[in-house]
Amino acid sequence: MSKSAANEPPAKETSPSLFPSSSLPDTMDLSCLALVPRSDHAALSLVSKRFHSVLASQEFYKTRSLLGRTQEFLYVCLSTTPNPTPSWFLLRRETNKNQLIPIPSFPSQPETFSSFVALDWGIYVIGGFKDVRSPDVLLLDCRTNTWRKVPSMSVGRAAAAAGVIDGKIYVFGGCEELSSPNWAEVFDPNTQTWETLVPMDDRNEGDNVIRETLVMDKKVYAVDFWSGSLFYYSPGDGKWGRKKIPEEVQSYYCVMEKVLYGCDEVGNVVWRESEELEWKRVKGLEALQWKRARKLSIFGRRIEWSEAVATFYRSFTRTKVEVLYAAAVNV
């Protein structure tokens, strides 16, 4: 007597194949795709929905890591005339030259005054100005170089401070109204929600327009645009504070491995460890010192590139052709 269907052991569930039309095992197909250079992934993801899905999968990036095929690229956002919409590029480092590789840009990205943070596998573009302050937040997925919108902020912002601490994005300033109850917010990517923070009590108009932002010692520091004063927010205890800014350094701050970098008034890139008082000049950049009006270009701020800090300079030739120079400061 045969067993009834109810008594038969359940069939073992199998996960859907990443490559249903291929006769090769998934692991072999993934290994082949993993050999494709990172700079070609954007074009490859446009071949089909299946390729787009595979290139964004955790299995694909795990395979690349196991094969030692991971690559690090610097993402560059440029606004150039006559097109006011920002354009995005990958900067490929090569032995004899550096190459800017165009990637898809978001067509409605605000033209100016957006804030940028990198978190996990993505770059967040926060707010900005195009006729009005924008509350929008865009996410560039660096695995596939594709864009999507994430939940908007409670209020529009332009030239706001933004920094990442413990996987959360802290944003403050840049509002139309200094007295806005949503002057400071925090975004949790895991829950995809924004939460309002208690704002700074003694904030002034200068604190609402941010020139620079950096994260150091679990605090988000901001330099206001008008006076260059320095203030910070500490998520650990929910407190705001102020600090005196170093007179020797004028702009373009970034922090890497507890070392603070900046640009002095004559265009030198300088550095110091957080507990030191004396600034030291970065060597090897003398030829680029005067390429752009005695200071680093805005493109180069706070960009960390593997174990180097990338700095950018720009200048114009006699025929008014804009030239972009890049240098990596090894740390």
C-alpha atoms as a PDB file:
ATOM      1  CA  MET A   1       0.000   0.000   0.000  1.00  0.00           C
ATOM      2  CA  SER A   2       1.457   3.293  -1.016  1.00  0.00           C
ATOM      3  CA  LYS A   3       1.865   6.201   1.369  1.00  0.00           C
ATOM      4  CA  SER A   4      -0.566   9.061   1.050  1.00  0.00           C
ATOM      5  CA  ALA A   5       0.657  12.450  -0.080  1.00  0.00           C
ATOM      6  CA  ALA A   6       0.012  13.799   3.395  1.00  0.00           C
ATOM      7  CA  ASN A   7       2.524  11.369   4.873  1.00  0.00           C
ATOM      8  CA  GLU A   8       5.243  12.011   2.316  1.00  0.00           C
ATOM      9  CA  PRO A   9       8.190  14.127   3.481  1.00  0.00           C
ATOM     10  CA  PRO A  10       7.952  17.709   2.247  1.00  0.00           C
ATOM     11  CA  ALA A  11      10.051  18.537  -0.779  1.00  0.00           C
ATOM     12  CA  LYS A  12      13.211  20.469   0.045  1.00  0.00           C
ATOM     13  CA  GLU A  13      12.838  24.115  -0.883  1.00  0.00           C
ATOM     14  CA  THR A  14      15.485  25.526  -3.146  1.00  0.00           C
ATOM     15  CA  SER A  15      16.331  29.175  -3.546  1.00  0.00           C
ATOM     16  CA  PRO A  16      15.759  30.595  -7.022  1.00  0.00           C
ATOM     17  CA  SER A  17      18.797  30.576  -9.280  1.00  0.00           C
ATOM     18  CA  LEU A  18      20.508  33.853 -10.012  1.00  0.00           C
ATOM     19  CA  PHE A  19      20.999  32.649 -13.592  1.00  0.00           C
ATOM     20  CA  PRO A  20      17.916  30.535 -14.474  1.00  0.00           C
ATOM     21  CA  SER A  21      18.780  30.261 -18.174  1.00  0.00           C
ATOM     22  CA  SER A  22      22.404  29.226 -17.630  1.00  0.00           C
ATOM     23  CA  SER A  23      23.612  25.618 -17.620  1.00  0.00           C
ATOM     24  CA  LEU A  24      26.515  26.560 -15.340  1.00  0.00           C
ATOM     25  CA  PRO A  25      26.331  26.526 -11.537  1.00  0.00           C
ATOM     26  CA  ASP A  26      25.562  29.894  -9.939  1.00  0.00           C
ATOM     27  CA  THR A  27      28.961  29.942  -8.249  1.00  0.00           C
ATOM     28  CA  MET A  28      30.720  29.628 -11.601  1.00  0.00           C
ATOM     29  CA  ASP A  29      28.594  32.340 -13.214  1.00  0.00           C
ATOM     30  CA  LEU A  30      29.224  34.649 -10.263  1.00  0.00           C
ATOM     31  CA  SER A  31      32.950  33.993 -10.452  1.00  0.00           C
ATOM     32  CA  CYS A  32      32.958  34.999 -14.112  1.00  0.00           C
ATOM     33  CA  LEU A  33      31.013  38.199 -13.449  1.00  0.00           C
ATOM     34  CA  ALA A  34      33.262  39.015 -10.503  1.00  0.00           C
ATOM     35  CA  LEU A  35      36.184  39.387 -12.916  1.00  0.00           C
ATOM     36  CA  VAL A  36      34.498  42.311 -14.681  1.00  0.00           C
ATOM     37  CA  PRO A  37      36.164  45.625 -13.660  1.00  0.00           C
ATOM     38  CA  ARG A  38      34.177  47.705 -11.210  1.00  0.00           C
ATOM     39  CA  SER A  39      34.087  50.669 -13.589  1.00  0.00           C
ATOM     40  CA  ASP A  40      32.075  48.582 -16.099  1.00  0.00           C
ATOM     41  CA  HIS A  41      29.346  47.546 -13.664  1.00  0.00           C
ATOM     42  CA  ALA A  42      27.098  50.503 -14.505  1.00  0.00           C
ATOM     43  CA  ALA A  43      26.992  49.527 -18.180  1.00  0.00           C
ATOM     44  CA  LEU A  44      26.597  45.839 -17.340  1.00  0.00           C
ATOM     45  CA  SER A  45      23.628  46.502 -15.059  1.00  0.00           C
ATOM     46  CA  LEU A  46      21.766  48.013 -18.030  1.00  0.00           C
ATOM     47  CA  VAL A  47      21.962  44.788 -20.061  1.00  0.00           C
ATOM     48  CA  SER A  48      18.953  43.218 -18.328  1.00  0.00           C
ATOM     49  CA  LYS A  49      16.952  43.243 -15.110  1.00  0.00           C
ATOM     50  CA  ARG A  50      18.605  39.952 -14.159  1.00  0.00           C
ATOM     51  CA  PHE A  51      22.118  41.417 -14.462  1.00  0.00           C
ATOM     52  CA  HIS A  52      21.022  44.489 -12.510  1.00  0.00           C
ATOM     53  CA  SER A  53      19.690  42.243  -9.731  1.00  0.00           C
ATOM     54  CA  VAL A  54      22.827  40.086  -9.640  1.00  0.00           C
ATOM     55  CA  LEU A  55      25.196  43.065  -9.494  1.00  0.00           C
ATOM     56  CA  ALA A  56      23.269  44.438  -6.510  1.00  0.00           C
ATOM     57  CA  SER A  57      23.157  41.117  -4.637  1.00  0.00           C
ATOM     58  CA  GLN A  58      25.113  40.303  -1.493  1.00  0.00           C
ATOM     59  CA  GLU A  59      26.254  37.029  -3.094  1.00  0.00           C
ATOM     60  CA  PHE A  60      27.963  38.919  -5.908  1.00  0.00           C
ATOM     61  CA  TYR A  61      29.933  41.205  -3.590  1.00  0.00           C
ATOM     62  CA  LYS A  62      30.811  38.307  -1.319  1.00  0.00           C
ATOM     63  CA  THR A  63      32.215  36.466  -4.361  1.00  0.00           C
ATOM     64  CA  ARG A  64      34.262  39.510  -5.421  1.00  0.00           C
ATOM     65  CA  SER A  65      35.689  39.743  -1.921  1.00  0.00           C
ATOM     66  CA  LEU A  66      36.625  36.049  -1.833  1.00  0.00           C
ATOM     67  CA  LEU A  67      38.343  36.356  -5.221  1.00  0.00           C
ATOM     68  CA  GLY A  68      40.231  39.480  -4.170  1.00  0.00           C
ATOM     69  CA  ARG A  69      38.499  41.548  -6.840  1.00  0.00           C
ATOM     70  CA  THR A  70      37.233  44.392  -4.684  1.00  0.00           C
ATOM     71  CA  GLN A  71      38.236  47.826  -5.966  1.00  0.00           C
ATOM     72  CA  GLU A  72      38.042  51.256  -4.380  1.00  0.00           C
ATOM     73  CA  PHE A  73      36.982  54.261  -6.408  1.00  0.00           C
ATOM     74  CA  LEU A  74      36.594  57.901  -5.564  1.00  0.00           C
ATOM     75  CA  TYR A  75      33.232  59.408  -6.514  1.00  0.00           C
ATOM     76  CA  VAL A  76      33.370  62.978  -7.803  1.00  0.00           C
ATOM     77  CA  CYS A  77      30.415  65.341  -8.190  1.00  0.00           C
ATOM     78  CA  LEU A  78      31.066  68.330 -10.465  1.00  0.00           C
ATOM     79  CA  SER A  79      29.007  71.303 -11.566  1.00  0.00           C
ATOM     80  CA  THR A  80      30.349  72.722 -14.798  1.00  0.00           C
ATOM     81  CA  THR A  81      29.051  75.341 -17.194  1.00  0.00           C
ATOM     82  CA  PRO A  82      26.833  75.556 -19.145  1.00  0.00           C
ATOM     83  CA  ASN A  83      24.907  72.651 -17.537  1.00  0.00           C
ATOM     84  CA  PRO A  84      23.933  73.578 -13.961  1.00  0.00           C
ATOM     85  CA  THR A  85      22.848  70.029 -13.046  1.00  0.00           C
ATOM     86  CA  PRO A  86      25.647  68.266 -11.120  1.00  0.00           C
ATOM     87  CA  SER A  87      27.404  65.438 -12.959  1.00  0.00           C
ATOM     88  CA  TRP A  88      28.863  62.336 -11.302  1.00  0.00           C
ATOM     89  CA  PHE A  89      32.054  60.463 -12.105  1.00  0.00           C
ATOM     90  CA  LEU A  90      34.250  57.646 -10.888  1.00  0.00           C
ATOM     91  CA  LEU A  91      37.907  58.578 -10.576  1.00  0.00           C
ATOM     92  CA  ARG A  92      39.981  55.614 -11.669  1.00  0.00           C
ATOM     93  CA  ARG A  93      43.548  55.638 -10.379  1.00  0.00           C
ATOM     94  CA  GLU A  94      46.134  54.338 -12.818  1.00  0.00           C
ATOM     95  CA  THR A  95      49.911  54.282 -12.816  1.00  0.00           C
ATOM     96  CA  ASN A  96      50.433  57.037 -15.365  1.00  0.00           C
ATOM     97  CA  LYS A  97      47.139  58.921 -15.231  1.00  0.00           C
ATOM     98  CA  ASN A  98      43.818  59.386 -13.470  1.00  0.00           C
ATOM     99  CA  GLN A  99      40.633  58.982 -15.481  1.00  0.00           C
ATOM    100  CA  LEU A 100      37.169  60.409 -14.801  1.00  0.00           C
ATOM    101  CA  ILE A 101      34.501  57.892 -15.832  1.00  0.00           C
ATOM    102  CA  PRO A 102      30.954  59.308 -16.187  1.00  0.00           C
ATOM    103  CA  ILE A 103      28.158  57.503 -14.338  1.00  0.00           C
ATOM    104  CA  PRO A 104      24.416  58.239 -14.403  1.00  0.00           C
ATOM    105  CA  SER A 105      23.440  61.424 -12.583  1.00  0.00           C
ATOM    106  CA  PHE A 106      20.121  62.164 -10.915  1.00  0.00           C
ATOM    107  CA  PRO A 107      18.311  64.595 -13.271  1.00  0.00           C
ATOM    108  CA  SER A 108      16.573  66.593 -10.533  1.00  0.00           C
ATOM    109  CA  GLN A 109      19.463  66.854  -8.075  1.00  0.00           C
ATOM    110  CA  PRO A 110      19.555  70.403  -6.676  1.00  0.00           C
ATOM    111  CA  GLU A 111      22.111  72.576  -8.421  1.00  0.00           C
ATOM    112  CA  THR A 112      23.937  73.876  -5.349  1.00  0.00           C
ATOM    113  CA  PHE A 113      24.436  73.628  -1.583  1.00  0.00           C
ATOM    114  CA  SER A 114      23.644  69.930  -1.132  1.00  0.00           C
ATOM    115  CA  SER A 115      25.339  68.034   1.699  1.00  0.00           C
ATOM    116  CA  PHE A 116      26.973  64.633   1.158  1.00  0.00           C
ATOM    117  CA  VAL A 117      27.714  61.663   3.391  1.00  0.00           C
ATOM    118  CA  ALA A 118      28.932  58.143   2.608  1.00  0.00           C
ATOM    119  CA  LEU A 119      27.467  55.216   4.528  1.00  0.00           C
ATOM    120  CA  ASP A 120      27.927  51.498   3.828  1.00  0.00           C
ATOM    121  CA  TRP A 121      27.569  51.024   0.068  1.00  0.00           C
ATOM    122  CA  GLY A 122      25.935  54.370  -0.740  1.00  0.00           C
ATOM    123  CA  ILE A 123      26.339  58.133  -0.966  1.00  0.00           C
ATOM    124  CA  TYR A 124      23.504  60.294   0.378  1.00  0.00           C
ATOM    125  CA  VAL A 125      22.800  63.674  -1.243  1.00  0.00           C
ATOM    126  CA  ILE A 126      20.952  65.758   1.333  1.00  0.00           C
ATOM    127  CA  GLY A 127      18.884  68.826   0.512  1.00  0.00           C
ATOM    128  CA  GLY A 128      20.254  71.592  -1.673  1.00  0.00           C
ATOM    129  CA  PHE A 129      18.974  74.663  -3.471  1.00  0.00           C
ATOM    130  CA  LYS A 130      17.143  74.965  -6.786  1.00  0.00           C
ATOM    131  CA  ASP A 131      14.697  77.896  -6.603  1.00  0.00           C
ATOM    132  CA  VAL A 132      13.828  76.761  -3.049  1.00  0.00           C
ATOM    133  CA  ARG A 133      15.473  74.716  -0.284  1.00  0.00           C
ATOM    134  CA  SER A 134      14.891  71.016  -0.856  1.00  0.00           C
ATOM    135  CA  PRO A 135      13.879  68.442   1.787  1.00  0.00           C
ATOM    136  CA  ASP A 136      14.737  65.591  -0.594  1.00  0.00           C
ATOM    137  CA  VAL A 137      17.383  62.980   0.134  1.00  0.00           C
ATOM    138  CA  LEU A 138      18.882  60.985  -2.737  1.00  0.00           C
ATOM    139  CA  LEU A 139      20.855  57.764  -2.443  1.00  0.00           C
ATOM    140  CA  LEU A 140      23.499  56.722  -4.955  1.00  0.00           C
ATOM    141  CA  ASP A 141      23.903  52.938  -4.768  1.00  0.00           C
ATOM    142  CA  CYS A 142      27.634  52.511  -5.391  1.00  0.00           C
ATOM    143  CA  ARG A 143      27.196  48.804  -6.115  1.00  0.00           C
ATOM    144  CA  THR A 144      25.273  49.501  -9.313  1.00  0.00           C
ATOM    145  CA  ASN A 145      25.708  53.283  -9.701  1.00  0.00           C
ATOM    146  CA  THR A 146      21.940  53.747  -9.655  1.00  0.00           C
ATOM    147  CA  TRP A 147      19.824  56.316  -7.843  1.00  0.00           C
ATOM    148  CA  ARG A 148      16.716  56.268  -5.698  1.00  0.00           C
ATOM    149  CA  LYS A 149      14.971  58.579  -3.266  1.00  0.00           C
ATOM    150  CA  VAL A 150      14.831  57.846   0.454  1.00  0.00           C
ATOM    151  CA  PRO A 151      12.392  59.446   2.933  1.00  0.00           C
ATOM    152  CA  SER A 152      12.568  63.241   2.863  1.00  0.00           C
ATOM    153  CA  MET A 153      13.532  65.438   5.795  1.00  0.00           C
ATOM    154  CA  SER A 154      10.904  67.325   7.766  1.00  0.00           C
ATOM    155  CA  VAL A 155      12.092  70.645   6.348  1.00  0.00           C
ATOM    156  CA  GLY A 156      13.963  71.899   3.285  1.00  0.00           C
ATOM    157  CA  ARG A 157      17.679  72.563   3.743  1.00  0.00           C
ATOM    158  CA  ALA A 158      20.580  74.084   1.830  1.00  0.00           C
ATOM    159  CA  ALA A 159      24.183  74.295   3.071  1.00  0.00           C
ATOM    160  CA  ALA A 160      23.383  72.105   6.079  1.00  0.00           C
ATOM    161  CA  ALA A 161      25.774  70.152   8.282  1.00  0.00           C
ATOM    162  CA  ALA A 162      25.672  66.374   7.811  1.00  0.00           C
ATOM    163  CA  GLY A 163      27.726  63.601   9.397  1.00  0.00           C
ATOM    164  CA  VAL A 164      27.550  59.884  10.164  1.00  0.00           C
ATOM    165  CA  ILE A 165      28.007  58.441  13.657  1.00  0.00           C
ATOM    166  CA  ASP A 166      27.245  54.809  14.552  1.00  0.00           C
ATOM    167  CA  GLY A 167      25.367  54.196  11.312  1.00  0.00           C
ATOM    168  CA  LYS A 168      23.004  57.173  11.627  1.00  0.00           C
ATOM    169  CA  ILE A 169      23.007  60.427   9.639  1.00  0.00           C
ATOM    170  CA  TYR A 170      22.866  63.641  11.679  1.00  0.00           C
ATOM    171  CA  VAL A 171      21.751  66.803   9.857  1.00  0.00           C
ATOM    172  CA  PHE A 172      21.338  70.326  11.211  1.00  0.00           C
ATOM    173  CA  GLY A 173      21.097  73.881   9.940  1.00  0.00           C
ATOM    174  CA  GLY A 174      20.390  75.114   6.435  1.00  0.00           C
ATOM    175  CA  CYS A 175      16.712  75.859   7.160  1.00  0.00           C
ATOM    176  CA  GLU A 176      14.657  78.778   5.863  1.00  0.00           C
ATOM    177  CA  GLU A 177      13.757  79.690   9.439  1.00  0.00           C
ATOM    178  CA  LEU A 178      16.428  79.672  12.139  1.00  0.00           C
ATOM    179  CA  SER A 179      13.696  79.005  14.717  1.00  0.00           C
ATOM    180  CA  SER A 180      12.420  75.884  12.932  1.00  0.00           C
ATOM    181  CA  PRO A 181      11.546  73.131  15.455  1.00  0.00           C
ATOM    182  CA  ASN A 182      13.101  70.680  12.984  1.00  0.00           C
ATOM    183  CA  TRP A 183      16.419  72.554  12.819  1.00  0.00           C
ATOM    184  CA  ALA A 184      18.253  69.312  13.732  1.00  0.00           C
ATOM    185  CA  GLU A 185      17.276  65.792  12.636  1.00  0.00           C
ATOM    186  CA  VAL A 186      18.718  62.276  12.550  1.00  0.00           C
ATOM    187  CA  PHE A 187      18.045  59.579   9.934  1.00  0.00           C
ATOM    188  CA  ASP A 188      18.157  55.856  10.696  1.00  0.00           C
ATOM    189  CA  PRO A 189      18.754  53.877   7.456  1.00  0.00           C
ATOM    190  CA  ASN A 190      17.634  50.647   9.122  1.00  0.00           C
ATOM    191  CA  THR A 191      14.149  51.944   9.925  1.00  0.00           C
ATOM    192  CA  GLN A 192      14.098  54.541   7.111  1.00  0.00           C
ATOM    193  CA  THR A 193      12.821  57.180   9.526  1.00  0.00           C
ATOM    194  CA  TRP A 194      13.755  60.730  10.543  1.00  0.00           C
ATOM    195  CA  GLU A 195      13.661  61.881  14.156  1.00  0.00           C
ATOM    196  CA  THR A 196      13.785  65.488  15.366  1.00  0.00           C
ATOM    197  CA  LEU A 197      16.600  66.433  17.752  1.00  0.00           C
ATOM    198  CA  VAL A 198      16.581  69.085  20.452  1.00  0.00           C
ATOM    199  CA  PRO A 199      18.156  72.095  18.662  1.00  0.00           C
ATOM    200  CA  MET A 200      21.035  74.204  19.936  1.00  0.00           C
ATOM    201  CA  ASP A 201      19.784  76.893  22.335  1.00  0.00           C
ATOM    202  CA  ASP A 202      22.158  79.733  21.434  1.00  0.00           C
ATOM    203  CA  ARG A 203      22.160  79.276  17.648  1.00  0.00           C
ATOM    204  CA  ASN A 204      22.446  82.357  15.454  1.00  0.00           C
ATOM    205  CA  GLU A 205      22.069  83.146  11.748  1.00  0.00           C
ATOM    206  CA  GLY A 206      25.674  82.157  11.087  1.00  0.00           C
ATOM    207  CA  ASP A 207      25.070  78.687  12.524  1.00  0.00           C
ATOM    208  CA  ASN A 208      22.305  78.136   9.969  1.00  0.00           C
ATOM    209  CA  VAL A 209      24.616  78.286   6.919  1.00  0.00           C
ATOM    210  CA  ILE A 210      27.360  75.685   7.141  1.00  0.00           C
ATOM    211  CA  ARG A 211      30.668  75.990   5.305  1.00  0.00           C
ATOM    212  CA  GLU A 212      32.316  72.774   6.463  1.00  0.00           C
ATOM    213  CA  THR A 213      31.385  69.607   8.366  1.00  0.00           C
ATOM    214  CA  LEU A 214      33.598  66.938   9.893  1.00  0.00           C
ATOM    215  CA  VAL A 215      33.140  64.020  12.287  1.00  0.00           C
ATOM    216  CA  MET A 216      35.687  63.495  15.048  1.00  0.00           C
ATOM    217  CA  ASP A 217      35.594  61.825  18.469  1.00  0.00           C
ATOM    218  CA  LYS A 218      31.933  60.804  18.036  1.00  0.00           C
ATOM    219  CA  LYS A 219      30.861  64.409  17.444  1.00  0.00           C
ATOM    220  CA  VAL A 220      29.572  66.197  14.332  1.00  0.00           C
ATOM    221  CA  TYR A 221      31.461  69.500  13.959  1.00  0.00           C
ATOM    222  CA  ALA A 222      30.270  72.365  11.768  1.00  0.00           C
ATOM    223  CA  VAL A 223      31.974  75.575  10.636  1.00  0.00           C
ATOM    224  CA  ASP A 224      29.524  78.395   9.981  1.00  0.00           C
ATOM    225  CA  PHE A 225      29.789  80.252   6.695  1.00  0.00           C
ATOM    226  CA  TRP A 226      29.842  83.838   7.934  1.00  0.00           C
ATOM    227  CA  SER A 227      32.197  83.960  10.910  1.00  0.00           C
ATOM    228  CA  GLY A 228      33.991  80.622  10.604  1.00  0.00           C
ATOM    229  CA  SER A 229      33.124  79.711  14.199  1.00  0.00           C
ATOM    230  CA  LEU A 230      33.045  76.045  15.178  1.00  0.00           C
ATOM    231  CA  PHE A 231      30.229  74.256  16.989  1.00  0.00           C
ATOM    232  CA  TYR A 232      29.316  70.592  17.429  1.00  0.00           C
ATOM    233  CA  TYR A 233      26.664  68.048  18.382  1.00  0.00           C
ATOM    234  CA  SER A 234      27.428  64.990  20.519  1.00  0.00           C
ATOM    235  CA  PRO A 235      24.849  62.195  19.957  1.00  0.00           C
ATOM    236  CA  GLY A 236      26.195  60.236  22.932  1.00  0.00           C
ATOM    237  CA  ASP A 237      24.857  62.715  25.473  1.00  0.00           C
ATOM    238  CA  GLY A 238      22.637  64.829  23.214  1.00  0.00           C
ATOM    239  CA  LYS A 239      24.606  68.000  23.965  1.00  0.00           C
ATOM    240  CA  TRP A 240      25.705  70.952  21.834  1.00  0.00           C
ATOM    241  CA  GLY A 241      28.936  72.863  22.293  1.00  0.00           C
ATOM    242  CA  ARG A 242      31.342  75.372  20.762  1.00  0.00           C
ATOM    243  CA  LYS A 243      35.086  75.359  20.166  1.00  0.00           C
ATOM    244  CA  LYS A 244      37.642  77.873  19.024  1.00  0.00           C
ATOM    245  CA  ILE A 245      38.699  77.272  15.439  1.00  0.00           C
ATOM    246  CA  PRO A 246      42.456  77.131  14.648  1.00  0.00           C
ATOM    247  CA  GLU A 247      43.546  80.466  13.181  1.00  0.00           C
ATOM    248  CA  GLU A 248      46.150  78.840  10.932  1.00  0.00           C
ATOM    249  CA  VAL A 249      43.574  76.849   8.979  1.00  0.00           C
ATOM    250  CA  GLN A 250      41.015  78.590   6.804  1.00  0.00           C
ATOM    251  CA  SER A 251      38.872  75.871   5.212  1.00  0.00           C
ATOM    252  CA  TYR A 252      38.380  72.393   3.756  1.00  0.00           C
ATOM    253  CA  TYR A 253      38.666  70.157   6.770  1.00  0.00           C
ATOM    254  CA  CYS A 254      38.662  66.383   6.855  1.00  0.00           C
ATOM    255  CA  VAL A 255      39.559  63.737   9.419  1.00  0.00           C
ATOM    256  CA  MET A 256      41.178  60.369   8.784  1.00  0.00           C
ATOM    257  CA  GLU A 257      42.674  57.974  11.314  1.00  0.00           C
ATOM    258  CA  LYS A 258      42.349  60.656  14.035  1.00  0.00           C
ATOM    259  CA  VAL A 259      44.428  63.077  11.958  1.00  0.00           C
ATOM    260  CA  LEU A 260      42.900  66.464  11.102  1.00  0.00           C
ATOM    261  CA  TYR A 261      43.645  67.956   7.672  1.00  0.00           C
ATOM    262  CA  GLY A 262      42.937  71.471   6.445  1.00  0.00           C
ATOM    263  CA  CYS A 263      44.037  74.212   4.079  1.00  0.00           C
ATOM    264  CA  ASP A 264      45.853  77.318   5.273  1.00  0.00           C
ATOM    265  CA  GLU A 265      45.506  80.853   3.951  1.00  0.00           C
ATOM    266  CA  VAL A 266      48.170  80.444   1.241  1.00  0.00           C
ATOM    267  CA  GLY A 267      46.935  77.143  -0.172  1.00  0.00           C
ATOM    268  CA  ASN A 268      49.081  74.634   1.728  1.00  0.00           C
ATOM    269  CA  VAL A 269      47.495  71.380   2.890  1.00  0.00           C
ATOM    270  CA  VAL A 270      48.349  71.008   6.585  1.00  0.00           C
ATOM    271  CA  TRP A 271      47.721  68.337   9.213  1.00  0.00           C
ATOM    272  CA  ARG A 272      47.964  67.597  12.892  1.00  0.00           C
ATOM    273  CA  GLU A 273      46.903  64.885  15.298  1.00  0.00           C
ATOM    274  CA  SER A 274      43.935  65.818  17.465  1.00  0.00           C
ATOM    275  CA  GLU A 275      45.953  66.215  20.672  1.00  0.00           C
ATOM    276  CA  GLU A 276      48.717  68.296  19.067  1.00  0.00           C
ATOM    277  CA  LEU A 277      48.764  72.084  18.703  1.00  0.00           C
ATOM    278  CA  GLU A 278      51.306  72.497  15.899  1.00  0.00           C
ATOM    279  CA  TRP A 279      50.245  72.151  12.273  1.00  0.00           C
ATOM    280  CA  LYS A 280      52.578  70.446   9.782  1.00  0.00           C
ATOM    281  CA  ARG A 281      52.599  70.993   6.038  1.00  0.00           C
ATOM    282  CA  VAL A 282      51.879  68.068   3.711  1.00  0.00           C
ATOM    283  CA  LYS A 283      54.877  67.612   1.429  1.00  0.00           C
ATOM    284  CA  GLY A 284      54.785  67.061  -2.324  1.00  0.00           C
ATOM    285  CA  LEU A 285      51.941  69.418  -3.265  1.00  0.00           C
ATOM    286  CA  GLU A 286      53.984  72.565  -3.834  1.00  0.00           C
ATOM    287  CA  ALA A 287      53.380  72.526  -7.602  1.00  0.00           C
ATOM    288  CA  LEU A 288      49.604  72.653  -7.060  1.00  0.00           C
ATOM    289  CA  GLN A 289      49.562  75.273  -4.331  1.00  0.00           C
ATOM    290  CA  TRP A 290      48.511  78.186  -6.552  1.00  0.00           C
ATOM    291  CA  LYS A 291      46.259  76.335  -8.987  1.00  0.00           C
ATOM    292  CA  ARG A 292      43.072  77.755  -7.586  1.00  0.00           C
ATOM    293  CA  ALA A 293      42.909  81.049  -5.737  1.00  0.00           C
ATOM    294  CA  ARG A 294      45.143  79.997  -2.845  1.00  0.00           C
ATOM    295  CA  LYS A 295      42.896  77.272  -1.487  1.00  0.00           C
ATOM    296  CA  LEU A 296      41.598  73.792  -2.162  1.00  0.00           C
ATOM    297  CA  SER A 297      38.554  73.329  -4.304  1.00  0.00           C
ATOM    298  CA  ILE A 298      35.266  72.553  -2.645  1.00  0.00           C
ATOM    299  CA  PHE A 299      35.258  69.160  -4.408  1.00  0.00           C
ATOM    300  CA  GLY A 300      38.048  67.848  -2.234  1.00  0.00           C
ATOM    301  CA  ARG A 301      36.605  68.291   1.217  1.00  0.00           C
ATOM    302  CA  ARG A 302      36.277  65.331   3.565  1.00  0.00           C
ATOM    303  CA  ILE A 303      36.843  62.645   0.941  1.00  0.00           C
ATOM    304  CA  GLU A 304      38.610  59.568   2.233  1.00  0.00           C
ATOM    305  CA  TRP A 305      40.231  57.373  -0.379  1.00  0.00           C
ATOM    306  CA  SER A 306      41.486  54.003   0.890  1.00  0.00           C
ATOM    307  CA  GLU A 307      44.473  54.993   3.046  1.00  0.00           C
ATOM    308  CA  ALA A 308      44.847  58.399   1.454  1.00  0.00           C
ATOM    309  CA  VAL A 309      43.085  61.741   1.551  1.00  0.00           C
ATOM    310  CA  ALA A 310      42.165  63.001  -1.912  1.00  0.00           C
ATOM    311  CA  THR A 311      42.519  66.700  -2.572  1.00  0.00           C
ATOM    312  CA  PHE A 312      41.369  68.567  -5.668  1.00  0.00           C
ATOM    313  CA  TYR A 313      42.505  71.787  -7.284  1.00  0.00           C
ATOM    314  CA  ARG A 314      41.180  73.496 -10.359  1.00  0.00           C
ATOM    315  CA  SER A 315      42.466  76.194 -12.626  1.00  0.00           C
ATOM    316  CA  PHE A 316      41.651  77.796 -15.966  1.00  0.00           C
ATOM    317  CA  THR A 317      43.902  77.946 -19.006  1.00  0.00           C
ATOM    318  CA  ARG A 318      44.355  81.094 -21.071  1.00  0.00           C
ATOM    319  CA  THR A 319      41.583  79.828 -23.360  1.00  0.00           C
ATOM    320  CA  LYS A 320      39.271  79.510 -20.313  1.00  0.00           C
ATOM    321  CA  VAL A 321      39.345  75.714 -20.326  1.00  0.00           C
ATOM    322  CA  GLU A 322      38.823  74.367 -16.822  1.00  0.00           C
ATOM    323  CA  VAL A 323      41.451  71.878 -15.641  1.00  0.00           C
ATOM    324  CA  LEU A 324      40.934  69.616 -12.628  1.00  0.00           C
ATOM    325  CA  TYR A 325      43.949  68.348 -10.688  1.00  0.00           C
ATOM    326  CA  ALA A 326      43.808  65.522  -8.150  1.00  0.00           C
ATOM    327  CA  ALA A 327      46.367  64.437  -5.579  1.00  0.00           C
ATOM    328  CA  ALA A 328      46.355  61.635  -3.005  1.00  0.00           C
ATOM    329  CA  VAL A 329      47.911  62.345   0.372  1.00  0.00           C
ATOM    330  CA  ASN A 330      49.170  59.047   1.800  1.00  0.00           C
ATOM    331  CA  VAL A 331      48.581  58.600   5.525  1.00  0.00           C
END
